[in-house]
Protein backbone atom coordinates (compact mmCIF):
# COMPACT_ATOMS: atom_id res chain seq x y z
CA MET A 1 74.99 69.79 125.50
CA SER A 2 77.58 67.54 123.43
CA PRO A 3 79.98 69.66 121.14
CA VAL A 4 77.94 68.57 118.01
CA GLU A 5 75.03 70.12 119.33
CA GLN A 6 76.63 73.85 120.19
CA PRO A 7 74.18 76.62 119.41
CA LYS A 8 74.34 78.83 116.46
CA HIS A 9 75.74 82.36 116.49
CA PRO A 10 72.63 84.79 116.37
CA SER A 11 73.56 85.53 113.08
CA GLY A 12 73.25 81.92 111.88
CA ASP A 13 76.75 82.21 110.47
CA ASN A 14 78.98 80.16 112.61
CA ARG A 15 82.07 82.00 111.27
CA PHE A 16 81.12 84.62 113.61
CA LYS A 17 81.84 82.22 116.36
CA LEU A 18 85.71 82.31 115.38
CA LEU A 19 85.90 86.01 115.28
CA ASP A 20 83.95 86.34 118.62
CA ARG A 21 86.73 84.06 119.92
CA ALA A 22 89.25 86.38 118.71
CA ILE A 23 87.74 89.37 119.91
CA THR A 24 87.62 87.98 123.55
CA LYS A 25 91.01 86.61 123.39
CA HIS A 26 92.07 90.46 122.64
CA GLN A 27 89.47 91.50 125.48
CA ALA A 28 87.59 93.56 123.18
CA ARG A 29 90.01 96.19 123.32
CA GLY A 30 89.71 98.66 120.82
CA ASP A 31 93.77 98.68 120.26
CA ALA A 32 93.55 95.44 118.98
CA LEU A 33 91.64 96.89 115.96
CA ILE A 34 94.07 95.86 113.03
CA GLU A 35 94.76 92.10 114.35
CA ILE A 36 90.82 91.41 114.69
CA LEU A 37 90.51 92.79 111.42
CA HIS A 38 92.90 90.39 109.96
CA VAL A 39 91.40 87.83 111.88
CA ALA A 40 88.05 88.91 110.24
CA GLN A 41 89.42 88.94 106.74
CA GLY A 42 91.27 85.56 107.19
CA ILE A 43 87.89 84.07 108.36
CA PHE A 44 85.17 85.79 105.70
CA GLY A 45 87.95 86.47 102.78
CA TYR A 46 87.09 90.27 102.77
CA LEU A 47 85.86 93.07 104.98
CA GLU A 48 82.48 93.84 103.82
CA ASN A 49 80.22 96.52 105.60
CA ASP A 50 78.11 94.40 107.87
CA LEU A 51 81.31 92.78 109.34
CA LEU A 52 82.92 96.21 109.86
CA ILE A 53 79.80 97.38 111.51
CA TYR A 54 80.06 94.16 113.84
CA VAL A 55 83.55 94.58 114.67
CA ALA A 56 83.09 98.36 115.57
CA ARG A 57 80.16 97.28 117.84
CA SER A 58 82.27 94.61 119.46
CA LEU A 59 85.10 96.43 120.20
CA LYS A 60 82.76 99.76 120.96
CA LEU A 61 84.75 101.98 118.40
CA PRO A 62 83.02 104.26 116.14
CA LEU A 63 82.32 103.14 112.64
CA SER A 64 84.36 105.55 111.15
CA ARG A 65 87.70 104.35 112.99
CA VAL A 66 87.03 101.25 111.87
CA TYR A 67 86.50 102.06 108.26
CA GLY A 68 89.33 104.42 108.33
CA VAL A 69 91.80 101.78 109.42
CA ALA A 70 90.30 99.01 107.10
CA THR A 71 90.67 101.58 104.01
CA PHE A 72 94.46 102.99 104.84
CA TYR A 73 96.01 99.60 105.08
CA HIS A 74 96.42 97.91 101.34
CA PHE A 75 96.18 94.44 102.90
CA PHE A 76 92.77 94.89 104.05
CA ASN A 77 90.12 93.99 100.91
CA LEU A 78 86.62 95.51 101.32
CA LYS A 79 85.59 93.68 98.05
CA PRO A 80 85.88 89.69 97.28
CA LYS A 81 89.39 88.92 95.38
CA GLY A 82 89.34 87.22 92.46
CA GLU A 83 91.17 84.07 91.71
CA HIS A 84 94.24 85.91 90.22
CA THR A 85 95.53 89.34 90.77
CA PHE A 86 97.20 91.78 88.26
CA VAL A 87 99.36 94.60 89.81
CA LEU A 88 100.30 97.32 87.74
CA CYS A 89 103.16 99.55 88.62
CA MET A 90 102.50 102.89 88.10
CA GLY A 91 105.68 104.28 89.34
CA THR A 92 107.46 107.10 87.50
CA ALA A 93 109.83 104.78 85.37
CA CYS A 94 106.58 102.49 84.76
CA TYR A 95 103.98 105.27 83.94
CA VAL A 96 106.78 106.91 81.38
CA LYS A 97 107.26 103.57 79.52
CA GLY A 98 103.66 102.89 78.96
CA ALA A 99 101.76 101.74 82.51
CA GLU A 100 98.85 104.00 81.46
CA GLN A 101 98.46 102.21 78.19
CA ILE A 102 98.41 98.82 79.54
CA GLN A 103 95.68 100.04 82.31
CA THR A 104 93.59 101.27 79.45
CA ALA A 105 93.83 98.13 77.36
CA LEU A 106 93.20 95.70 80.25
CA GLU A 107 90.08 98.14 81.43
CA GLU A 108 88.89 98.06 77.91
CA HIS A 109 89.60 94.28 77.27
CA TYR A 110 87.90 93.10 80.34
CA GLN A 111 85.35 95.79 80.92
CA CYS A 112 86.73 95.96 84.48
CA ARG A 113 88.54 99.29 85.92
CA PHE A 114 91.33 98.90 88.32
CA GLY A 115 90.52 98.51 91.76
CA ASP A 116 87.80 96.07 90.49
CA THR A 117 87.29 92.30 90.18
CA THR A 118 86.14 91.06 86.66
CA LYS A 119 82.47 89.80 86.97
CA ASP A 120 83.46 86.34 86.42
CA ASN A 121 85.59 86.72 89.70
CA SER A 122 88.96 85.33 87.95
CA VAL A 123 91.23 88.36 88.06
CA SER A 124 91.52 91.60 90.24
CA PHE A 125 93.15 94.39 88.45
CA ILE A 126 95.11 96.61 91.13
CA THR A 127 97.74 99.63 91.01
CA ALA A 128 100.73 100.08 93.04
CA ARG A 129 103.02 103.11 93.52
CA CYS A 130 105.87 101.34 93.15
CA VAL A 131 107.00 97.66 92.93
CA GLY A 132 110.65 98.14 93.18
CA SER A 133 111.72 96.64 89.69
CA CYS A 134 112.08 99.64 87.57
CA GLY A 135 114.84 98.32 85.27
CA LEU A 136 112.03 96.24 83.87
CA ALA A 137 109.47 99.05 83.45
CA PRO A 138 106.63 98.74 82.72
CA VAL A 139 106.22 96.23 85.40
CA ALA A 140 103.30 94.07 86.88
CA VAL A 141 102.87 91.38 89.59
CA LEU A 142 100.82 88.81 88.21
CA ASP A 143 100.06 86.20 91.04
CA ASP A 144 103.09 87.13 93.13
CA ALA A 145 105.52 86.53 89.82
CA VAL A 146 107.12 89.83 88.48
CA VAL A 147 106.45 90.55 84.77
CA GLY A 148 108.35 93.11 83.21
CA LYS A 149 108.80 95.17 79.88
CA LEU A 150 105.11 94.60 79.40
CA THR A 151 103.04 95.77 76.30
CA PRO A 152 99.21 96.28 76.31
CA ASP A 153 99.00 93.25 74.14
CA GLU A 154 101.33 91.31 76.12
CA SER A 155 99.61 92.02 79.56
CA ILE A 156 96.26 90.52 78.02
CA ARG A 157 98.19 87.58 76.82
CA ARG A 158 99.55 86.95 80.10
CA VAL A 159 96.42 87.59 82.06
CA GLU A 160 94.60 85.08 79.44
CA GLN A 161 97.35 82.62 80.28
CA VAL A 162 96.87 82.88 83.83
CA LYS A 163 93.31 82.62 83.64
CA LEU A 164 93.22 79.44 81.58
CA SER A 165 95.98 77.85 83.77
CA VAL A 166 95.04 74.69 85.48
CA PRO A 167 96.83 74.04 88.96
CA GLU A 168 99.08 71.03 89.15
CA VAL A 169 97.98 67.90 90.57
CA VAL A 170 100.34 66.14 92.91
CA SER A 171 99.93 62.85 93.51
């Protein structure tokens, strides 16, 4: 059989072949769970329930353990992420200086709760315990850029600005 005619994975989704390679590389050992979940998220973009079940069966682990690890670590996503992320700091300084009002304004404006992604998949809203920029409170991290001294209106304006931004074309 030529490389072009390789059989498909039984699921019909060839991304599972890549995941199977990673599982085989780690000898299907349960102690490689975090590494396998990283690979799975890299391949699929996020860890949906069916994928967690597949990993649990492949590593012969209880689904509760796989789900527990996937939900414990913040770098794993159980839902697709938006094109942009808005991480609102809810640390003491930010909270005291109005982070809760920013959260309420964004949730009302975008009809999207924190922890979710807007219906158009453009922005994921997330909270963090602290982003380490207390002197700029209230603070958010918008697409990896720290934005400080925010107000509810300024937060909405910044999100709109990033949603409308067009990536530069480098020639």
